[in-house]
mmCIF file of all heavy atoms, coordinates in Angstrom:
data_MODEL
# 
_entry.id   MODEL 
# 
loop_
_atom_site.group_PDB 
_atom_site.id 
_atom_site.type_symbol 
_atom_site.label_atom_id 
_atom_site.label_alt_id 
_atom_site.label_comp_id 
_atom_site.label_asym_id 
_atom_site.label_entity_id 
_atom_site.label_seq_id 
_atom_site.pdbx_PDB_ins_code 
_atom_site.Cartn_x 
_atom_site.Cartn_y 
_atom_site.Cartn_z 
_atom_site.occupancy 
_atom_site.B_iso_or_equiv 
_atom_site.pdbx_formal_charge 
_atom_site.auth_seq_id 
_atom_site.auth_comp_id 
_atom_site.auth_asym_id 
_atom_site.auth_atom_id 
_atom_site.pdbx_PDB_model_num 
ATOM 1   N N   . ALA A 1 1  ? -126.676 93.600 -2.925  1.00 0.00 ? 1  ALA A N   1 
ATOM 2   C CA  . ALA A 1 1  ? -128.041 93.046 -2.886  1.00 0.00 ? 1  ALA A CA  1 
ATOM 3   C C   . ALA A 1 1  ? -128.961 93.691 -3.892  1.00 0.00 ? 1  ALA A C   1 
ATOM 4   O O   . ALA A 1 1  ? -129.856 93.051 -4.441  1.00 0.00 ? 1  ALA A O   1 
ATOM 5   C CB  . ALA A 1 1  ? -128.598 93.201 -1.456  1.00 0.00 ? 1  ALA A CB  1 
ATOM 6   N N   . GLU A 1 2  ? -128.732 94.987 -4.191  1.00 0.00 ? 2  GLU A N   1 
ATOM 7   C CA  . GLU A 1 2  ? -129.630 95.675 -5.101  1.00 0.00 ? 2  GLU A CA  1 
ATOM 8   C C   . GLU A 1 2  ? -129.390 95.321 -6.582  1.00 0.00 ? 2  GLU A C   1 
ATOM 9   O O   . GLU A 1 2  ? -130.178 95.694 -7.449  1.00 0.00 ? 2  GLU A O   1 
ATOM 10  C CB  . GLU A 1 2  ? -129.534 97.194 -4.920  1.00 0.00 ? 2  GLU A CB  1 
ATOM 11  C CG  . GLU A 1 2  ? -128.158 97.793 -5.200  1.00 0.00 ? 2  GLU A CG  1 
ATOM 12  C CD  . GLU A 1 2  ? -127.277 97.831 -3.961  1.00 0.00 ? 2  GLU A CD  1 
ATOM 13  O OE1 . GLU A 1 2  ? -127.482 97.014 -3.053  1.00 0.00 ? 2  GLU A OE1 1 
ATOM 14  O OE2 . GLU A 1 2  ? -126.377 98.683 -3.932  1.00 0.00 ? 2  GLU A OE2 1 
ATOM 15  N N   . LEU A 1 3  ? -128.292 94.638 -6.864  1.00 0.00 ? 3  LEU A N   1 
ATOM 16  C CA  . LEU A 1 3  ? -127.990 94.234 -8.238  1.00 0.00 ? 3  LEU A CA  1 
ATOM 17  C C   . LEU A 1 3  ? -128.548 92.840 -8.490  1.00 0.00 ? 3  LEU A C   1 
ATOM 18  O O   . LEU A 1 3  ? -127.964 91.835 -8.087  1.00 0.00 ? 3  LEU A O   1 
ATOM 19  C CB  . LEU A 1 3  ? -126.493 94.264 -8.514  1.00 0.00 ? 3  LEU A CB  1 
ATOM 20  C CG  . LEU A 1 3  ? -125.990 93.751 -9.871  1.00 0.00 ? 3  LEU A CG  1 
ATOM 21  C CD1 . LEU A 1 3  ? -126.799 94.345 -11.000 1.00 0.00 ? 3  LEU A CD1 1 
ATOM 22  C CD2 . LEU A 1 3  ? -124.516 94.027 -10.049 1.00 0.00 ? 3  LEU A CD2 1 
ATOM 23  N N   . GLN A 1 4  ? -129.691 92.778 -9.134  1.00 0.00 ? 4  GLN A N   1 
ATOM 24  C CA  . GLN A 1 4  ? -130.354 91.509 -9.451  1.00 0.00 ? 4  GLN A CA  1 
ATOM 25  C C   . GLN A 1 4  ? -130.124 91.174 -10.915 1.00 0.00 ? 4  GLN A C   1 
ATOM 26  O O   . GLN A 1 4  ? -130.566 91.911 -11.794 1.00 0.00 ? 4  GLN A O   1 
ATOM 27  C CB  . GLN A 1 4  ? -131.847 91.609 -9.145  1.00 0.00 ? 4  GLN A CB  1 
ATOM 28  C CG  . GLN A 1 4  ? -132.159 91.937 -7.695  1.00 0.00 ? 4  GLN A CG  1 
ATOM 29  C CD  . GLN A 1 4  ? -131.750 90.799 -6.758  1.00 0.00 ? 4  GLN A CD  1 
ATOM 30  O OE1 . GLN A 1 4  ? -132.000 89.617 -7.053  1.00 0.00 ? 4  GLN A OE1 1 
ATOM 31  N NE2 . GLN A 1 4  ? -131.146 91.153 -5.648  1.00 0.00 ? 4  GLN A NE2 1 
ATOM 32  N N   . VAL A 1 5  ? -129.425 90.104 -11.200 1.00 0.00 ? 5  VAL A N   1 
ATOM 33  C CA  . VAL A 1 5  ? -129.142 89.715 -12.570 1.00 0.00 ? 5  VAL A CA  1 
ATOM 34  C C   . VAL A 1 5  ? -130.086 88.608 -12.998 1.00 0.00 ? 5  VAL A C   1 
ATOM 35  O O   . VAL A 1 5  ? -130.661 87.898 -12.171 1.00 0.00 ? 5  VAL A O   1 
ATOM 36  C CB  . VAL A 1 5  ? -127.674 89.250 -12.732 1.00 0.00 ? 5  VAL A CB  1 
ATOM 37  C CG1 . VAL A 1 5  ? -126.715 90.346 -12.283 1.00 0.00 ? 5  VAL A CG1 1 
ATOM 38  C CG2 . VAL A 1 5  ? -127.416 87.958 -11.977 1.00 0.00 ? 5  VAL A CG2 1 
ATOM 39  N N   . LEU A 1 6  ? -130.226 88.460 -14.309 1.00 0.00 ? 6  LEU A N   1 
ATOM 40  C CA  . LEU A 1 6  ? -130.930 87.319 -14.894 1.00 0.00 ? 6  LEU A CA  1 
ATOM 41  C C   . LEU A 1 6  ? -129.891 86.296 -15.309 1.00 0.00 ? 6  LEU A C   1 
ATOM 42  O O   . LEU A 1 6  ? -128.866 86.642 -15.894 1.00 0.00 ? 6  LEU A O   1 
ATOM 43  C CB  . LEU A 1 6  ? -131.743 87.764 -16.097 1.00 0.00 ? 6  LEU A CB  1 
ATOM 44  C CG  . LEU A 1 6  ? -132.974 88.606 -15.830 1.00 0.00 ? 6  LEU A CG  1 
ATOM 45  C CD1 . LEU A 1 6  ? -133.540 89.165 -17.127 1.00 0.00 ? 6  LEU A CD1 1 
ATOM 46  C CD2 . LEU A 1 6  ? -134.029 87.818 -15.074 1.00 0.00 ? 6  LEU A CD2 1 
ATOM 47  N N   . LEU A 1 7  ? -130.156 85.023 -14.990 1.00 0.00 ? 7  LEU A N   1 
ATOM 48  C CA  . LEU A 1 7  ? -129.235 83.964 -15.371 1.00 0.00 ? 7  LEU A CA  1 
ATOM 49  C C   . LEU A 1 7  ? -129.736 83.255 -16.629 1.00 0.00 ? 7  LEU A C   1 
ATOM 50  O O   . LEU A 1 7  ? -130.915 82.995 -16.783 1.00 0.00 ? 7  LEU A O   1 
ATOM 51  C CB  . LEU A 1 7  ? -129.116 82.944 -14.221 1.00 0.00 ? 7  LEU A CB  1 
ATOM 52  C CG  . LEU A 1 7  ? -128.534 83.463 -12.917 1.00 0.00 ? 7  LEU A CG  1 
ATOM 53  C CD1 . LEU A 1 7  ? -128.527 82.353 -11.870 1.00 0.00 ? 7  LEU A CD1 1 
ATOM 54  C CD2 . LEU A 1 7  ? -127.115 83.999 -13.117 1.00 0.00 ? 7  LEU A CD2 1 
ATOM 55  N N   . ASP A 1 8  ? -128.783 82.987 -17.525 1.00 0.00 ? 8  ASP A N   1 
ATOM 56  C CA  . ASP A 1 8  ? -129.071 82.234 -18.743 1.00 0.00 ? 8  ASP A CA  1 
ATOM 57  C C   . ASP A 1 8  ? -127.977 81.198 -18.906 1.00 0.00 ? 8  ASP A C   1 
ATOM 58  O O   . ASP A 1 8  ? -126.948 81.451 -19.537 1.00 0.00 ? 8  ASP A O   1 
ATOM 59  C CB  . ASP A 1 8  ? -129.135 83.164 -19.948 1.00 0.00 ? 8  ASP A CB  1 
ATOM 60  C CG  . ASP A 1 8  ? -129.521 82.426 -21.215 1.00 0.00 ? 8  ASP A CG  1 
ATOM 61  O OD1 . ASP A 1 8  ? -129.736 81.203 -21.145 1.00 0.00 ? 8  ASP A OD1 1 
ATOM 62  O OD2 . ASP A 1 8  ? -129.619 83.060 -22.281 1.00 0.00 ? 8  ASP A OD2 1 
ATOM 63  N N   . LEU A 1 9  ? -128.195 80.016 -18.324 1.00 0.00 ? 9  LEU A N   1 
ATOM 64  C CA  . LEU A 1 9  ? -127.150 78.978 -18.361 1.00 0.00 ? 9  LEU A CA  1 
ATOM 65  C C   . LEU A 1 9  ? -127.126 78.241 -19.701 1.00 0.00 ? 9  LEU A C   1 
ATOM 66  O O   . LEU A 1 9  ? -126.263 77.383 -19.913 1.00 0.00 ? 9  LEU A O   1 
ATOM 67  C CB  . LEU A 1 9  ? -127.342 78.003 -17.212 1.00 0.00 ? 9  LEU A CB  1 
ATOM 68  C CG  . LEU A 1 9  ? -127.250 78.620 -15.809 1.00 0.00 ? 9  LEU A CG  1 
ATOM 69  C CD1 . LEU A 1 9  ? -127.218 77.545 -14.748 1.00 0.00 ? 9  LEU A CD1 1 
ATOM 70  C CD2 . LEU A 1 9  ? -126.032 79.531 -15.687 1.00 0.00 ? 9  LEU A CD2 1 
ATOM 71  N N   . GLY A 1 10 ? -128.038 78.610 -20.600 1.00 0.00 ? 10 GLY A N   1 
ATOM 72  C CA  . GLY A 1 10 ? -127.971 78.086 -21.953 1.00 0.00 ? 10 GLY A CA  1 
ATOM 73  C C   . GLY A 1 10 ? -127.319 79.067 -22.923 1.00 0.00 ? 10 GLY A C   1 
ATOM 74  O O   . GLY A 1 10 ? -127.417 78.914 -24.137 1.00 0.00 ? 10 GLY A O   1 
ATOM 75  N N   . LEU A 1 11 ? -126.624 80.045 -22.382 1.00 0.00 ? 11 LEU A N   1 
ATOM 76  C CA  . LEU A 1 11 ? -125.916 81.022 -23.218 1.00 0.00 ? 11 LEU A CA  1 
ATOM 77  C C   . LEU A 1 11 ? -124.684 80.362 -23.806 1.00 0.00 ? 11 LEU A C   1 
ATOM 78  O O   . LEU A 1 11 ? -123.662 80.232 -23.118 1.00 0.00 ? 11 LEU A O   1 
ATOM 79  C CB  . LEU A 1 11 ? -125.549 82.247 -22.363 1.00 0.00 ? 11 LEU A CB  1 
ATOM 80  C CG  . LEU A 1 11 ? -125.037 83.482 -23.095 1.00 0.00 ? 11 LEU A CG  1 
ATOM 81  C CD1 . LEU A 1 11 ? -126.079 84.038 -24.040 1.00 0.00 ? 11 LEU A CD1 1 
ATOM 82  C CD2 . LEU A 1 11 ? -124.625 84.546 -22.100 1.00 0.00 ? 11 LEU A CD2 1 
ATOM 83  N N   . ALA A 1 12 ? -124.778 79.957 -25.051 1.00 0.00 ? 12 ALA A N   1 
ATOM 84  C CA  . ALA A 1 12 ? -123.711 79.140 -25.646 1.00 0.00 ? 12 ALA A CA  1 
ATOM 85  C C   . ALA A 1 12 ? -123.014 79.816 -26.811 1.00 0.00 ? 12 ALA A C   1 
ATOM 86  O O   . ALA A 1 12 ? -122.025 79.298 -27.330 1.00 0.00 ? 12 ALA A O   1 
ATOM 87  C CB  . ALA A 1 12 ? -124.291 77.802 -26.135 1.00 0.00 ? 12 ALA A CB  1 
ATOM 88  N N   . ARG A 1 13 ? -123.492 80.980 -27.219 1.00 0.00 ? 13 ARG A N   1 
ATOM 89  C CA  . ARG A 1 13 ? -122.940 81.623 -28.415 1.00 0.00 ? 13 ARG A CA  1 
ATOM 90  C C   . ARG A 1 13 ? -121.445 81.899 -28.267 1.00 0.00 ? 13 ARG A C   1 
ATOM 91  O O   . ARG A 1 13 ? -120.686 81.822 -29.231 1.00 0.00 ? 13 ARG A O   1 
ATOM 92  C CB  . ARG A 1 13 ? -123.680 82.938 -28.685 1.00 0.00 ? 13 ARG A CB  1 
ATOM 93  C CG  . ARG A 1 13 ? -123.198 83.721 -29.875 1.00 0.00 ? 13 ARG A CG  1 
ATOM 94  C CD  . ARG A 1 13 ? -124.039 84.977 -30.051 1.00 0.00 ? 13 ARG A CD  1 
ATOM 95  N NE  . ARG A 1 13 ? -124.045 85.808 -28.863 1.00 0.00 ? 13 ARG A NE  1 
ATOM 96  C CZ  . ARG A 1 13 ? -123.090 86.695 -28.586 1.00 0.00 ? 13 ARG A CZ  1 
ATOM 97  N NH1 . ARG A 1 13 ? -122.061 86.845 -29.413 1.00 0.00 ? 13 ARG A NH1 1 
ATOM 98  N NH2 . ARG A 1 13 ? -123.173 87.435 -27.497 1.00 0.00 ? 13 ARG A NH2 1 
ATOM 99  N N   . ALA A 1 14 ? -121.021 82.268 -27.077 1.00 0.00 ? 14 ALA A N   1 
ATOM 100 C CA  . ALA A 1 14 ? -119.632 82.658 -26.850 1.00 0.00 ? 14 ALA A CA  1 
ATOM 101 C C   . ALA A 1 14 ? -118.766 81.485 -26.376 1.00 0.00 ? 14 ALA A C   1 
ATOM 102 O O   . ALA A 1 14 ? -117.702 81.674 -25.803 1.00 0.00 ? 14 ALA A O   1 
ATOM 103 C CB  . ALA A 1 14 ? -119.575 83.784 -25.821 1.00 0.00 ? 14 ALA A CB  1 
ATOM 104 N N   . TYR A 1 15 ? -119.234 80.294 -26.616 1.00 0.00 ? 15 TYR A N   1 
ATOM 105 C CA  . TYR A 1 15 ? -118.567 79.051 -26.171 1.00 0.00 ? 15 TYR A CA  1 
ATOM 106 C C   . TYR A 1 15 ? -117.086 79.005 -26.518 1.00 0.00 ? 15 TYR A C   1 
ATOM 107 O O   . TYR A 1 15 ? -116.245 78.616 -25.690 1.00 0.00 ? 15 TYR A O   1 
ATOM 108 C CB  . TYR A 1 15 ? -119.310 77.908 -26.840 1.00 0.00 ? 15 TYR A CB  1 
ATOM 109 C CG  . TYR A 1 15 ? -118.701 76.532 -26.798 1.00 0.00 ? 15 TYR A CG  1 
ATOM 110 C CD1 . TYR A 1 15 ? -119.108 75.606 -25.860 1.00 0.00 ? 15 TYR A CD1 1 
ATOM 111 C CD2 . TYR A 1 15 ? -117.761 76.141 -27.747 1.00 0.00 ? 15 TYR A CD2 1 
ATOM 112 C CE1 . TYR A 1 15 ? -118.586 74.315 -25.857 1.00 0.00 ? 15 TYR A CE1 1 
ATOM 113 C CE2 . TYR A 1 15 ? -117.230 74.861 -27.737 1.00 0.00 ? 15 TYR A CE2 1 
ATOM 114 C CZ  . TYR A 1 15 ? -117.650 73.957 -26.794 1.00 0.00 ? 15 TYR A CZ  1 
ATOM 115 O OH  . TYR A 1 15 ? -117.135 72.696 -26.798 1.00 0.00 ? 15 TYR A OH  1 
ATOM 116 N N   . ASP A 1 16 ? -116.732 79.411 -27.735 1.00 0.00 ? 16 ASP A N   1 
ATOM 117 C CA  . ASP A 1 16 ? -115.329 79.273 -28.188 1.00 0.00 ? 16 ASP A CA  1 
ATOM 118 C C   . ASP A 1 16 ? -114.421 80.360 -27.626 1.00 0.00 ? 16 ASP A C   1 
ATOM 119 O O   . ASP A 1 16 ? -113.206 80.225 -27.723 1.00 0.00 ? 16 ASP A O   1 
ATOM 120 C CB  . ASP A 1 16 ? -115.267 79.304 -29.723 1.00 0.00 ? 16 ASP A CB  1 
ATOM 121 C CG  . ASP A 1 16 ? -115.881 78.056 -30.347 1.00 0.00 ? 16 ASP A CG  1 
ATOM 122 O OD1 . ASP A 1 16 ? -115.758 76.999 -29.734 1.00 0.00 ? 16 ASP A OD1 1 
ATOM 123 O OD2 . ASP A 1 16 ? -116.492 78.185 -31.406 1.00 0.00 ? 16 ASP A OD2 1 
ATOM 124 N N   . TYR A 1 17 ? -115.006 81.428 -27.120 1.00 0.00 ? 17 TYR A N   1 
ATOM 125 C CA  . TYR A 1 17 ? -114.199 82.578 -26.741 1.00 0.00 ? 17 TYR A CA  1 
ATOM 126 C C   . TYR A 1 17 ? -114.066 82.725 -25.219 1.00 0.00 ? 17 TYR A C   1 
ATOM 127 O O   . TYR A 1 17 ? -112.961 82.925 -24.707 1.00 0.00 ? 17 TYR A O   1 
ATOM 128 C CB  . TYR A 1 17 ? -114.845 83.849 -27.317 1.00 0.00 ? 17 TYR A CB  1 
ATOM 129 C CG  . TYR A 1 17 ? -114.011 85.092 -27.117 1.00 0.00 ? 17 TYR A CG  1 
ATOM 130 C CD1 . TYR A 1 17 ? -112.903 85.350 -27.879 1.00 0.00 ? 17 TYR A CD1 1 
ATOM 131 C CD2 . TYR A 1 17 ? -114.391 86.023 -26.136 1.00 0.00 ? 17 TYR A CD2 1 
ATOM 132 C CE1 . TYR A 1 17 ? -112.164 86.494 -27.707 1.00 0.00 ? 17 TYR A CE1 1 
ATOM 133 C CE2 . TYR A 1 17 ? -113.652 87.172 -25.936 1.00 0.00 ? 17 TYR A CE2 1 
ATOM 134 C CZ  . TYR A 1 17 ? -112.541 87.405 -26.739 1.00 0.00 ? 17 TYR A CZ  1 
ATOM 135 O OH  . TYR A 1 17 ? -111.805 88.532 -26.540 1.00 0.00 ? 17 TYR A OH  1 
ATOM 136 N N   . TYR A 1 18 ? -115.183 82.597 -24.511 1.00 0.00 ? 18 TYR A N   1 
ATOM 137 C CA  . TYR A 1 18 ? -115.150 82.839 -23.074 1.00 0.00 ? 18 TYR A CA  1 
ATOM 138 C C   . TYR A 1 18 ? -114.867 81.573 -22.292 1.00 0.00 ? 18 TYR A C   1 
ATOM 139 O O   . TYR A 1 18 ? -115.414 80.513 -22.578 1.00 0.00 ? 18 TYR A O   1 
ATOM 140 C CB  . TYR A 1 18 ? -116.495 83.439 -22.627 1.00 0.00 ? 18 TYR A CB  1 
ATOM 141 C CG  . TYR A 1 18 ? -116.687 84.861 -23.114 1.00 0.00 ? 18 TYR A CG  1 
ATOM 142 C CD1 . TYR A 1 18 ? -117.544 85.135 -24.175 1.00 0.00 ? 18 TYR A CD1 1 
ATOM 143 C CD2 . TYR A 1 18 ? -116.001 85.908 -22.529 1.00 0.00 ? 18 TYR A CD2 1 
ATOM 144 C CE1 . TYR A 1 18 ? -117.703 86.415 -24.636 1.00 0.00 ? 18 TYR A CE1 1 
ATOM 145 C CE2 . TYR A 1 18 ? -116.165 87.212 -22.987 1.00 0.00 ? 18 TYR A CE2 1 
ATOM 146 C CZ  . TYR A 1 18 ? -117.006 87.465 -24.040 1.00 0.00 ? 18 TYR A CZ  1 
ATOM 147 O OH  . TYR A 1 18 ? -117.165 88.726 -24.497 1.00 0.00 ? 18 TYR A OH  1 
ATOM 148 N N   . SER A 1 19 ? -113.984 81.717 -21.322 1.00 0.00 ? 19 SER A N   1 
ATOM 149 C CA  . SER A 1 19 ? -113.564 80.565 -20.503 1.00 0.00 ? 19 SER A CA  1 
ATOM 150 C C   . SER A 1 19 ? -114.327 80.483 -19.196 1.00 0.00 ? 19 SER A C   1 
ATOM 151 O O   . SER A 1 19 ? -114.131 79.533 -18.435 1.00 0.00 ? 19 SER A O   1 
ATOM 152 C CB  . SER A 1 19 ? -112.056 80.673 -20.216 1.00 0.00 ? 19 SER A CB  1 
ATOM 153 O OG  . SER A 1 19 ? -111.787 81.864 -19.484 1.00 0.00 ? 19 SER A OG  1 
ATOM 154 N N   . GLY A 1 20 ? -115.129 81.483 -18.899 1.00 0.00 ? 20 GLY A N   1 
ATOM 155 C CA  . GLY A 1 20 ? -115.885 81.500 -17.649 1.00 0.00 ? 20 GLY A CA  1 
ATOM 156 C C   . GLY A 1 20 ? -117.256 82.106 -17.868 1.00 0.00 ? 20 GLY A C   1 
ATOM 157 O O   . GLY A 1 20 ? -118.006 81.651 -18.695 1.00 0.00 ? 20 GLY A O   1 
ATOM 158 N N   . ILE A 1 21 ? -117.535 83.182 -17.144 1.00 0.00 ? 21 ILE A N   1 
ATOM 159 C CA  . ILE A 1 21 ? -118.835 83.825 -17.295 1.00 0.00 ? 21 ILE A CA  1 
ATOM 160 C C   . ILE A 1 21 ? -118.876 84.682 -18.569 1.00 0.00 ? 21 ILE A C   1 
ATOM 161 O O   . ILE A 1 21 ? -117.839 85.076 -19.113 1.00 0.00 ? 21 ILE A O   1 
ATOM 162 C CB  . ILE A 1 21 ? -119.215 84.695 -16.081 1.00 0.00 ? 21 ILE A CB  1 
ATOM 163 C CG1 . ILE A 1 21 ? -118.347 85.968 -16.022 1.00 0.00 ? 21 ILE A CG1 1 
ATOM 164 C CG2 . ILE A 1 21 ? -119.110 83.897 -14.796 1.00 0.00 ? 21 ILE A CG2 1 
ATOM 165 C CD1 . ILE A 1 21 ? -118.900 86.998 -15.069 1.00 0.00 ? 21 ILE A CD1 1 
ATOM 166 N N   . HIS A 1 22 ? -120.083 84.940 -19.047 1.00 0.00 ? 22 HIS A N   1 
ATOM 167 C CA  . HIS A 1 22 ? -120.324 85.892 -20.141 1.00 0.00 ? 22 HIS A CA  1 
ATOM 168 C C   . HIS A 1 22 ? -121.567 86.662 -19.747 1.00 0.00 ? 22 HIS A C   1 
ATOM 169 O O   . HIS A 1 22 ? -122.536 86.093 -19.206 1.00 0.00 ? 22 HIS A O   1 
ATOM 170 C CB  . HIS A 1 22 ? -120.542 85.143 -21.451 1.00 0.00 ? 22 HIS A CB  1 
ATOM 171 C CG  . HIS A 1 22 ? -120.975 86.031 -22.582 1.00 0.00 ? 22 HIS A CG  1 
ATOM 172 N ND1 . HIS A 1 22 ? -120.374 87.206 -22.875 1.00 0.00 ? 22 HIS A ND1 1 
ATOM 173 C CD2 . HIS A 1 22 ? -121.997 85.912 -23.492 1.00 0.00 ? 22 HIS A CD2 1 
ATOM 174 C CE1 . HIS A 1 22 ? -120.960 87.776 -23.928 1.00 0.00 ? 22 HIS A CE1 1 
ATOM 175 N NE2 . HIS A 1 22 ? -121.950 86.996 -24.309 1.00 0.00 ? 22 HIS A NE2 1 
ATOM 176 N N   . PHE A 1 23 ? -121.553 87.983 -19.997 1.00 0.00 ? 23 PHE A N   1 
ATOM 177 C CA  . PHE A 1 23 ? -122.726 88.765 -19.631 1.00 0.00 ? 23 PHE A CA  1 
ATOM 178 C C   . PHE A 1 23 ? -122.997 89.841 -20.690 1.00 0.00 ? 23 PHE A C   1 
ATOM 179 O O   . PHE A 1 23 ? -122.130 90.226 -21.431 1.00 0.00 ? 23 PHE A O   1 
ATOM 180 C CB  . PHE A 1 23 ? -122.601 89.400 -18.239 1.00 0.00 ? 23 PHE A CB  1 
ATOM 181 C CG  . PHE A 1 23 ? -121.381 90.263 -18.057 1.00 0.00 ? 23 PHE A CG  1 
ATOM 182 C CD1 . PHE A 1 23 ? -121.425 91.633 -18.312 1.00 0.00 ? 23 PHE A CD1 1 
ATOM 183 C CD2 . PHE A 1 23 ? -120.182 89.725 -17.590 1.00 0.00 ? 23 PHE A CD2 1 
ATOM 184 C CE1 . PHE A 1 23 ? -120.311 92.443 -18.130 1.00 0.00 ? 23 PHE A CE1 1 
ATOM 185 C CE2 . PHE A 1 23 ? -119.056 90.532 -17.400 1.00 0.00 ? 23 PHE A CE2 1 
ATOM 186 C CZ  . PHE A 1 23 ? -119.125 91.876 -17.672 1.00 0.00 ? 23 PHE A CZ  1 
ATOM 187 N N   . ARG A 1 24 ? -124.260 90.261 -20.730 1.00 0.00 ? 24 ARG A N   1 
ATOM 188 C CA  . ARG A 1 24 ? -124.685 91.330 -21.642 1.00 0.00 ? 24 ARG A CA  1 
ATOM 189 C C   . ARG A 1 24 ? -125.834 92.053 -20.980 1.00 0.00 ? 24 ARG A C   1 
ATOM 190 O O   . ARG A 1 24 ? -126.399 91.575 -19.981 1.00 0.00 ? 24 ARG A O   1 
ATOM 191 C CB  . ARG A 1 24 ? -125.078 90.743 -22.986 1.00 0.00 ? 24 ARG A CB  1 
ATOM 192 C CG  . ARG A 1 24 ? -126.109 89.617 -22.927 1.00 0.00 ? 24 ARG A CG  1 
ATOM 193 C CD  . ARG A 1 24 ? -126.146 88.824 -24.209 1.00 0.00 ? 24 ARG A CD  1 
ATOM 194 N NE  . ARG A 1 24 ? -127.183 87.769 -24.151 1.00 0.00 ? 24 ARG A NE  1 
ATOM 195 C CZ  . ARG A 1 24 ? -127.365 86.856 -25.083 1.00 0.00 ? 24 ARG A CZ  1 
ATOM 196 N NH1 . ARG A 1 24 ? -126.569 86.809 -26.141 1.00 0.00 ? 24 ARG A NH1 1 
ATOM 197 N NH2 . ARG A 1 24 ? -128.311 85.939 -24.958 1.00 0.00 ? 24 ARG A NH2 1 
ATOM 198 N N   . ALA A 1 25 ? -126.228 93.203 -21.552 1.00 0.00 ? 25 ALA A N   1 
ATOM 199 C CA  . ALA A 1 25 ? -127.293 94.011 -20.943 1.00 0.00 ? 25 ALA A CA  1 
ATOM 200 C C   . ALA A 1 25 ? -128.295 94.448 -21.989 1.00 0.00 ? 25 ALA A C   1 
ATOM 201 O O   . ALA A 1 25 ? -127.933 94.744 -23.139 1.00 0.00 ? 25 ALA A O   1 
ATOM 202 C CB  . ALA A 1 25 ? -126.703 95.231 -20.249 1.00 0.00 ? 25 ALA A CB  1 
# 
């Protein structure tokens, strides 16, 4: 519960590489 992430569903840069989620900090 204490881990609150920000969602960016327009994150498209890694489209060709990632098959699922992608995250950065």
